[in-house]
């Protein structure tokens, strides 16, 4: 499974992107469980000085405003950035 996250907006307007391919990873099942728990549907509106996340999982894309992140989705984003640079 290929997971990519792009964070844009924020006070400085800097875009950050990370990607992880879980197919060959020993923790692929953990990634699958994390993706299954995440709410991957479009929600929220952009707000001044807030981040907007574009989350793509194997071609399925969601756009989520920072204020609208639930805990499982935030955990997925954090893990992608920690693992995928």
Protein backbone atom coordinates (compact mmCIF):
# COMPACT_ATOMS: atom_id res chain seq x y z
CA UNK A 1 0.00 0.00 0.00
CA UNK A 2 1.34 3.43 -0.92
CA UNK A 3 0.44 6.26 1.47
CA UNK A 4 1.34 9.89 0.87
CA UNK A 5 0.54 12.97 2.91
CA UNK A 6 0.93 16.58 1.83
CA UNK A 7 0.55 19.33 4.41
CA UNK A 8 0.03 22.86 3.09
CA UNK A 9 -0.99 26.20 4.52
CA UNK A 10 -0.14 27.27 8.01
CA UNK A 11 1.32 30.59 9.08
CA UNK A 12 4.40 30.34 6.83
CA UNK A 13 2.63 28.64 3.92
CA UNK A 14 5.28 25.93 3.66
CA UNK A 15 4.32 22.65 2.01
CA UNK A 16 5.63 19.37 3.40
CA UNK A 17 5.23 15.95 1.78
CA UNK A 18 6.04 12.40 2.82
CA UNK A 19 5.34 9.00 1.34
CA UNK A 20 5.53 5.42 2.56
CA UNK A 21 5.21 2.18 0.62
CA UNK A 22 4.18 -0.48 3.11
CA UNK A 23 4.30 -3.52 0.80
CA UNK A 24 7.79 -4.66 1.78
CA UNK A 25 7.74 -3.46 5.37
CA UNK A 26 7.62 -5.95 8.25
CA UNK A 27 5.00 -3.75 9.95
CA UNK A 28 2.64 -3.67 6.93
CA UNK A 29 -0.23 -5.11 9.00
CA UNK A 30 0.14 -2.28 11.53
CA UNK A 31 -0.08 0.26 8.69
CA UNK A 32 -3.20 -1.46 7.32
CA UNK A 33 -4.91 -1.28 10.73
CA UNK A 34 -3.98 2.40 11.05
CA UNK A 35 -5.39 3.20 7.60
CA UNK A 36 -8.58 1.25 8.36
CA UNK A 37 -9.15 3.36 11.50
CA UNK A 38 -8.49 6.71 9.78
CA UNK A 39 -11.42 8.76 8.48
CA UNK A 40 -10.34 9.23 4.87
CA UNK A 41 -13.06 11.45 3.50
CA UNK A 42 -13.02 15.13 2.59
CA UNK A 43 -14.02 17.34 5.49
CA UNK A 44 -13.41 20.74 6.95
CA UNK A 45 -12.67 24.04 5.37
CA UNK A 46 -9.39 25.84 5.02
CA UNK A 47 -8.91 28.43 7.74
CA UNK A 48 -6.35 31.22 8.06
CA UNK A 49 -3.01 30.04 9.47
CA UNK A 50 -4.21 26.41 9.69
CA UNK A 51 -2.89 23.39 7.85
CA UNK A 52 -4.76 21.40 5.22
CA UNK A 53 -3.79 17.77 4.65
CA UNK A 54 -4.06 15.82 1.41
CA UNK A 55 -3.96 12.11 2.26
CA UNK A 56 -3.64 9.60 -0.56
CA UNK A 57 -3.89 5.86 0.03
CA UNK A 58 -3.48 3.80 -3.14
CA UNK A 59 -5.22 6.45 -5.24
CA UNK A 60 -8.00 7.25 -2.76
CA UNK A 61 -7.60 10.89 -1.77
CA UNK A 62 -9.01 12.92 1.10
CA UNK A 63 -8.54 16.59 1.97
CA UNK A 64 -8.86 17.36 5.68
CA UNK A 65 -8.55 20.64 7.55
CA UNK A 66 -6.31 20.67 10.61
CA UNK A 67 -9.19 21.43 12.98
CA UNK A 68 -11.16 18.47 11.62
CA UNK A 69 -8.57 15.73 12.19
CA UNK A 70 -9.71 12.88 14.39
CA UNK A 71 -7.15 10.99 16.45
CA UNK A 72 -6.72 7.95 14.13
CA UNK A 73 -6.21 10.20 11.09
CA UNK A 74 -3.74 12.39 12.98
CA UNK A 75 -1.86 9.24 14.06
CA UNK A 76 -1.64 8.11 10.42
CA UNK A 77 -0.33 11.51 9.32
CA UNK A 78 2.24 11.62 12.13
CA UNK A 79 3.47 8.13 11.31
CA UNK A 80 3.82 8.86 7.59
CA UNK A 81 5.85 11.99 8.32
CA UNK A 82 8.01 10.11 10.85
CA UNK A 83 8.64 7.20 8.48
CA UNK A 84 8.61 8.82 5.07
CA UNK A 85 10.50 12.03 5.63
